């Protein structure tokens, strides 16, 4: 099975669930956010829809109120700087949703590869 990058958040979370890696994805997100001193604790009972909403809200607050911490988080998670630079920052709501997807995508790559190899 080869890695196929998901096109959106719903596809990513659906694929993680299908491959029974959704809980590992939550663990990885919690781990990296805590490493960046942006403590989140998504319970293992968090549904994919709740995760999507809460991660979006968290990114919105970080971009709006704690920009330095937001940049540190992107560094810790290892989100591509080029991908972030391509985003349109004129709409904060849309930007935070897109950044949340980039974070999920990067965390998914980590979980998928760790499970596969």
N, C-alpha and C. Protein backbone atom coordinates (compact mmCIF):
# COMPACT_ATOMS: atom_id res chain seq x y z
N UNK A 1 0.85 -1.17 0.00
CA UNK A 1 0.00 0.00 0.00
C UNK A 1 0.90 1.24 0.00
N UNK A 2 0.66 2.13 -0.93
CA UNK A 2 1.47 3.34 -1.01
C UNK A 2 0.75 4.50 -0.34
N UNK A 3 1.53 5.49 0.02
CA UNK A 3 0.97 6.65 0.69
C UNK A 3 0.36 7.59 -0.33
N UNK A 4 -0.88 7.97 -0.10
CA UNK A 4 -1.57 8.94 -0.95
C UNK A 4 -1.97 10.10 -0.07
N UNK A 5 -1.48 11.28 -0.40
CA UNK A 5 -1.79 12.46 0.41
C UNK A 5 -3.27 12.82 0.26
N UNK A 6 -3.97 12.96 1.38
CA UNK A 6 -5.38 13.33 1.33
C UNK A 6 -5.57 14.76 0.82
N UNK A 7 -6.71 15.00 0.18
CA UNK A 7 -6.98 16.30 -0.41
C UNK A 7 -7.66 17.28 0.54
N UNK A 8 -8.26 16.75 1.61
CA UNK A 8 -8.90 17.63 2.59
C UNK A 8 -8.97 16.93 3.95
N UNK A 9 -9.40 17.67 4.93
CA UNK A 9 -9.43 17.17 6.30
C UNK A 9 -10.34 15.95 6.44
N UNK A 10 -11.52 16.02 5.84
CA UNK A 10 -12.46 14.90 5.96
C UNK A 10 -11.89 13.61 5.37
N UNK A 11 -11.25 13.72 4.22
CA UNK A 11 -10.63 12.54 3.60
C UNK A 11 -9.52 11.99 4.48
N UNK A 12 -8.73 12.87 5.05
CA UNK A 12 -7.62 12.46 5.91
C UNK A 12 -8.14 11.70 7.13
N UNK A 13 -9.12 12.27 7.80
CA UNK A 13 -9.65 11.64 9.01
C UNK A 13 -10.36 10.33 8.68
N UNK A 14 -11.02 10.28 7.54
CA UNK A 14 -11.68 9.07 7.10
C UNK A 14 -10.65 7.97 6.83
N UNK A 15 -9.56 8.33 6.16
CA UNK A 15 -8.50 7.36 5.87
C UNK A 15 -7.83 6.86 7.15
N UNK A 16 -7.60 7.78 8.08
CA UNK A 16 -7.00 7.39 9.37
C UNK A 16 -7.90 6.39 10.10
N UNK A 17 -9.19 6.64 10.04
CA UNK A 17 -10.15 5.72 10.68
C UNK A 17 -10.17 4.37 9.97
N UNK A 18 -10.19 4.38 8.64
CA UNK A 18 -10.22 3.13 7.87
C UNK A 18 -9.00 2.28 8.17
N UNK A 19 -7.86 2.91 8.32
CA UNK A 19 -6.62 2.16 8.57
C UNK A 19 -6.39 1.91 10.06
N UNK A 20 -7.39 2.25 10.86
CA UNK A 20 -7.33 2.07 12.31
C UNK A 20 -6.12 2.77 12.92
N UNK A 21 -5.83 3.96 12.40
CA UNK A 21 -4.72 4.75 12.91
C UNK A 21 -5.19 6.08 13.50
N UNK A 22 -6.49 6.24 13.63
CA UNK A 22 -7.04 7.50 14.11
C UNK A 22 -6.55 7.81 15.54
N UNK A 23 -6.54 6.81 16.41
CA UNK A 23 -6.09 7.04 17.79
C UNK A 23 -4.60 7.41 17.84
N UNK A 24 -3.83 6.80 16.96
CA UNK A 24 -2.40 7.14 16.87
C UNK A 24 -2.23 8.59 16.39
N UNK A 25 -3.12 9.02 15.50
CA UNK A 25 -3.09 10.40 15.02
C UNK A 25 -3.36 11.37 16.17
N UNK A 26 -4.34 11.06 16.98
CA UNK A 26 -4.64 11.90 18.15
C UNK A 26 -3.44 11.94 19.09
N UNK A 27 -2.83 10.78 19.33
CA UNK A 27 -1.64 10.72 20.20
C UNK A 27 -0.52 11.61 19.66
N UNK A 28 -0.29 11.54 18.35
CA UNK A 28 0.78 12.33 17.74
C UNK A 28 0.49 13.82 17.85
N UNK A 29 -0.74 14.21 17.62
CA UNK A 29 -1.12 15.62 17.74
C UNK A 29 -0.91 16.10 19.16
N UNK A 30 -1.40 15.33 20.14
CA UNK A 30 -1.21 15.71 21.55
C UNK A 30 0.27 15.83 21.88
N UNK A 31 1.07 14.88 21.40
CA UNK A 31 2.50 14.88 21.69
C UNK A 31 3.18 16.13 21.14
N UNK A 32 2.94 16.43 19.87
CA UNK A 32 3.62 17.57 19.25
C UNK A 32 3.15 18.90 19.81
N UNK A 33 1.87 19.04 20.09
CA UNK A 33 1.38 20.27 20.70
C UNK A 33 1.99 20.47 22.08
N UNK A 34 2.13 19.39 22.84
CA UNK A 34 2.73 19.51 24.16
C UNK A 34 4.22 19.82 24.06
N UNK A 35 4.91 19.28 23.06
CA UNK A 35 6.32 19.62 22.84
C UNK A 35 6.48 21.11 22.53
N UNK A 36 5.48 21.68 21.89
CA UNK A 36 5.52 23.10 21.53
C UNK A 36 4.96 23.97 22.66
N UNK A 37 4.72 23.37 23.82
CA UNK A 37 4.15 24.08 24.98
C UNK A 37 2.79 24.71 24.67
N UNK A 38 2.06 24.08 23.80
CA UNK A 38 0.69 24.50 23.49
C UNK A 38 -0.22 23.36 23.86
N UNK A 39 -0.23 23.06 25.14
CA UNK A 39 -0.94 21.89 25.63
C UNK A 39 -2.35 21.75 25.10
N UNK A 40 -2.56 20.67 24.42
CA UNK A 40 -3.91 20.24 24.07
C UNK A 40 -4.00 18.82 24.57
N UNK A 41 -5.16 18.42 24.88
CA UNK A 41 -5.35 17.04 25.31
C UNK A 41 -6.63 16.54 24.68
N UNK A 42 -6.51 16.17 23.41
CA UNK A 42 -7.68 15.60 22.75
C UNK A 42 -7.88 14.20 23.32
N UNK A 43 -9.02 13.97 23.97
CA UNK A 43 -9.28 12.62 24.51
C UNK A 43 -9.37 11.61 23.37
N UNK A 44 -9.08 10.37 23.68
CA UNK A 44 -9.17 9.32 22.66
C UNK A 44 -10.61 9.14 22.18
N UNK A 45 -11.55 9.65 22.92
CA UNK A 45 -12.96 9.55 22.53
C UNK A 45 -13.38 10.67 21.57
N UNK A 46 -12.46 11.57 21.24
CA UNK A 46 -12.77 12.68 20.33
C UNK A 46 -13.13 12.14 18.96
N UNK A 47 -14.28 12.56 18.45
CA UNK A 47 -14.69 12.11 17.12
C UNK A 47 -13.89 12.88 16.07
N UNK A 48 -13.81 12.35 14.86
CA UNK A 48 -13.12 13.09 13.80
C UNK A 48 -13.69 14.49 13.58
N UNK A 49 -15.00 14.62 13.63
CA UNK A 49 -15.62 15.94 13.42
C UNK A 49 -15.24 16.90 14.55
N UNK A 50 -15.24 16.41 15.79
CA UNK A 50 -14.84 17.24 16.94
C UNK A 50 -13.37 17.65 16.82
N UNK A 51 -12.53 16.71 16.41
CA UNK A 51 -11.10 17.01 16.25
C UNK A 51 -10.90 18.11 15.21
N UNK A 52 -11.60 17.99 14.11
CA UNK A 52 -11.50 18.98 13.03
C UNK A 52 -11.90 20.38 13.55
N UNK A 53 -12.99 20.46 14.25
CA UNK A 53 -13.49 21.74 14.77
C UNK A 53 -12.56 22.31 15.83
N UNK A 54 -12.16 21.47 16.78
CA UNK A 54 -11.33 21.94 17.89
C UNK A 54 -9.94 22.36 17.42
N UNK A 55 -9.39 21.63 16.46
CA UNK A 55 -8.07 21.99 15.94
C UNK A 55 -8.15 23.31 15.18
N UNK A 56 -9.22 23.49 14.43
CA UNK A 56 -9.44 24.75 13.72
C UNK A 56 -9.53 25.91 14.71
N UNK A 57 -10.31 25.73 15.78
CA UNK A 57 -10.46 26.78 16.80
C UNK A 57 -9.13 27.09 17.47
N UNK A 58 -8.36 26.05 17.77
CA UNK A 58 -7.06 26.22 18.42
C UNK A 58 -6.13 27.03 17.51
N UNK A 59 -6.11 26.71 16.23
CA UNK A 59 -5.25 27.43 15.30
C UNK A 59 -5.70 28.87 15.16
N UNK A 60 -6.99 29.09 15.13
CA UNK A 60 -7.53 30.45 15.03
C UNK A 60 -7.04 31.30 16.20
N UNK A 61 -7.15 30.74 17.42
CA UNK A 61 -6.72 31.47 18.62
C UNK A 61 -5.21 31.72 18.61
N UNK A 62 -4.44 30.73 18.19
CA UNK A 62 -2.98 30.91 18.15
C UNK A 62 -2.59 32.00 17.16
N UNK A 63 -3.16 31.96 15.96
CA UNK A 63 -2.81 32.96 14.95
C UNK A 63 -3.24 34.35 15.43
N UNK A 64 -4.40 34.43 16.02
CA UNK A 64 -4.96 35.72 16.45
C UNK A 64 -4.21 36.31 17.66
N UNK A 65 -3.91 35.48 18.65
CA UNK A 65 -3.44 36.00 19.93
C UNK A 65 -2.01 35.60 20.32
N UNK A 66 -1.49 34.52 19.75
CA UNK A 66 -0.18 34.01 20.17
C UNK A 66 0.63 33.61 18.95
N UNK A 67 0.97 34.59 18.13
CA UNK A 67 1.58 34.30 16.83
C UNK A 67 2.94 33.63 16.97
N UNK A 68 3.76 34.04 17.91
CA UNK A 68 5.08 33.42 18.09
C UNK A 68 4.92 31.94 18.46
N UNK A 69 3.96 31.64 19.30
CA UNK A 69 3.70 30.25 19.69
C UNK A 69 3.18 29.44 18.50
N UNK A 70 2.38 30.10 17.67
CA UNK A 70 1.87 29.47 16.44
C UNK A 70 3.04 29.07 15.53
N UNK A 71 3.98 29.98 15.34
CA UNK A 71 5.15 29.68 14.50
C UNK A 71 5.99 28.55 15.09
N UNK A 72 6.14 28.55 16.41
CA UNK A 72 6.88 27.49 17.09
C UNK A 72 6.19 26.14 16.87
N UNK A 73 4.88 26.13 16.97
CA UNK A 73 4.12 24.90 16.76
C UNK A 73 4.35 24.36 15.34
N UNK A 74 4.29 25.24 14.36
CA UNK A 74 4.52 24.81 12.97
C UNK A 74 5.91 24.20 12.83
N UNK A 75 6.88 24.77 13.52
CA UNK A 75 8.24 24.26 13.49
C UNK A 75 8.32 22.87 14.14
N UNK A 76 7.71 22.73 15.30
CA UNK A 76 7.74 21.45 16.03
C UNK A 76 7.04 20.35 15.22
N UNK A 77 5.89 20.68 14.66
CA UNK A 77 5.14 19.70 13.87
C UNK A 77 5.87 19.39 12.56
N UNK A 78 6.65 20.35 12.09
CA UNK A 78 7.42 20.24 10.86
C UNK A 78 6.54 20.44 9.63
N UNK A 79 5.70 21.47 9.70
CA UNK A 79 4.88 21.85 8.55
C UNK A 79 5.78 22.63 7.59
N UNK A 80 5.66 22.32 6.32
CA UNK A 80 6.49 22.96 5.30
C UNK A 80 6.24 24.47 5.26
N UNK A 81 7.32 25.23 5.37
CA UNK A 81 7.23 26.68 5.31
C UNK A 81 6.67 27.14 3.96
N UNK A 82 7.07 26.45 2.91
CA UNK A 82 6.57 26.79 1.57
C UNK A 82 5.06 26.65 1.48
N UNK A 83 4.52 25.58 2.07
CA UNK A 83 3.08 25.38 2.04
C UNK A 83 2.35 26.49 2.80
N UNK A 84 2.91 26.89 3.92
CA UNK A 84 2.28 27.95 4.72
C UNK A 84 2.33 29.28 3.96
N UNK A 85 3.45 29.55 3.30
CA UNK A 85 3.59 30.81 2.56
C UNK A 85 2.60 30.91 1.40
N UNK A 86 2.17 29.78 0.86
CA UNK A 86 1.23 29.77 -0.25
C UNK A 86 -0.20 30.10 0.17
N UNK A 87 -0.49 30.06 1.46
CA UNK A 87 -1.85 30.29 1.94
C UNK A 87 -2.19 31.78 1.89
N UNK A 88 -3.46 32.05 1.68
CA UNK A 88 -3.97 33.42 1.66
C UNK A 88 -4.31 33.83 3.09
N UNK A 89 -3.63 34.84 3.60
CA UNK A 89 -3.83 35.26 4.98
C UNK A 89 -4.86 36.35 5.16
N UNK A 90 -5.61 36.67 4.11
CA UNK A 90 -6.56 37.78 4.21
C UNK A 90 -7.81 37.42 5.02
N UNK A 91 -8.14 36.15 5.10
CA UNK A 91 -9.30 35.70 5.87
C UNK A 91 -8.80 34.78 6.97
N UNK A 92 -8.81 35.27 8.20
CA UNK A 92 -8.25 34.52 9.33
C UNK A 92 -8.95 33.19 9.55
N UNK A 93 -10.26 33.16 9.38
CA UNK A 93 -11.02 31.92 9.56
C UNK A 93 -10.58 30.86 8.54
N UNK A 94 -10.48 31.27 7.30
CA UNK A 94 -10.06 30.35 6.23
C UNK A 94 -8.61 29.92 6.44
N UNK A 95 -7.75 30.88 6.80
CA UNK A 95 -6.35 30.57 7.05
C UNK A 95 -6.19 29.54 8.16
N UNK A 96 -6.89 29.73 9.27
CA UNK A 96 -6.74 28.81 10.39
C UNK A 96 -7.24 27.41 10.02
N UNK A 97 -8.27 27.34 9.18
CA UNK A 97 -8.77 26.04 8.71
C UNK A 97 -7.73 25.36 7.83
N UNK A 98 -7.10 26.12 6.95
CA UNK A 98 -6.08 25.55 6.06
C UNK A 98 -4.83 25.13 6.81
N UNK A 99 -4.44 25.92 7.81
CA UNK A 99 -3.27 25.56 8.63
C UNK A 99 -3.57 24.30 9.44
N UNK A 100 -4.78 24.20 9.97
CA UNK A 100 -5.17 23.00 10.71
C UNK A 100 -5.04 21.76 9.81
N UNK A 101 -5.44 21.91 8.55
CA UNK A 101 -5.30 20.80 7.60
C UNK A 101 -3.83 20.46 7.36
N UNK A 102 -2.99 21.48 7.19
CA UNK A 102 -1.56 21.22 6.98
C UNK A 102 -0.95 20.48 8.18
N UNK A 103 -1.37 20.86 9.37
CA UNK A 103 -0.88 20.18 10.58
C UNK A 103 -1.36 18.74 10.59
N UNK A 104 -2.64 18.54 10.33
CA UNK A 104 -3.17 17.18 10.30
C UNK A 104 -2.46 16.33 9.25
N UNK A 105 -2.21 16.94 8.09
CA UNK A 105 -1.55 16.22 7.00
C UNK A 105 -0.15 15.78 7.42
N UNK A 106 0.58 16.68 8.05
CA UNK A 106 1.95 16.35 8.49
C UNK A 106 1.93 15.29 9.58
N UNK A 107 1.02 15.42 10.51
CA UNK A 107 0.91 14.42 11.59
C UNK A 107 0.51 13.07 11.02
N UNK A 108 -0.36 13.08 10.01
CA UNK A 108 -0.79 11.84 9.37
C UNK A 108 0.39 11.14 8.69
N UNK A 109 1.24 11.91 8.03
CA UNK A 109 2.42 11.33 7.39
C UNK A 109 3.29 10.62 8.44
N UNK A 110 3.50 11.29 9.57
CA UNK A 110 4.32 10.69 10.64
C UNK A 110 3.71 9.37 11.11
N UNK A 111 2.41 9.39 11.39
CA UNK A 111 1.73 8.20 11.91
C UNK A 111 1.73 7.08 10.88
N UNK A 112 1.42 7.42 9.64
CA UNK A 112 1.34 6.41 8.58
C UNK A 112 2.69 5.73 8.38
N UNK A 113 3.76 6.52 8.28
CA UNK A 113 5.09 5.94 8.06
C UNK A 113 5.55 5.12 9.27
N UNK A 114 5.28 5.61 10.46
CA UNK A 114 5.68 4.87 11.65
C UNK A 114 4.97 3.52 11.69
N UNK A 115 3.72 3.50 11.29
CA UNK A 115 2.96 2.26 11.29
C UNK A 115 3.42 1.32 10.16
N UNK A 116 3.74 1.91 9.04
CA UNK A 116 4.10 1.13 7.85
C UNK A 116 5.51 0.56 7.94
N UNK A 117 6.45 1.33 8.49
CA UNK A 117 7.85 0.90 8.49
C UNK A 117 8.34 0.82 9.88
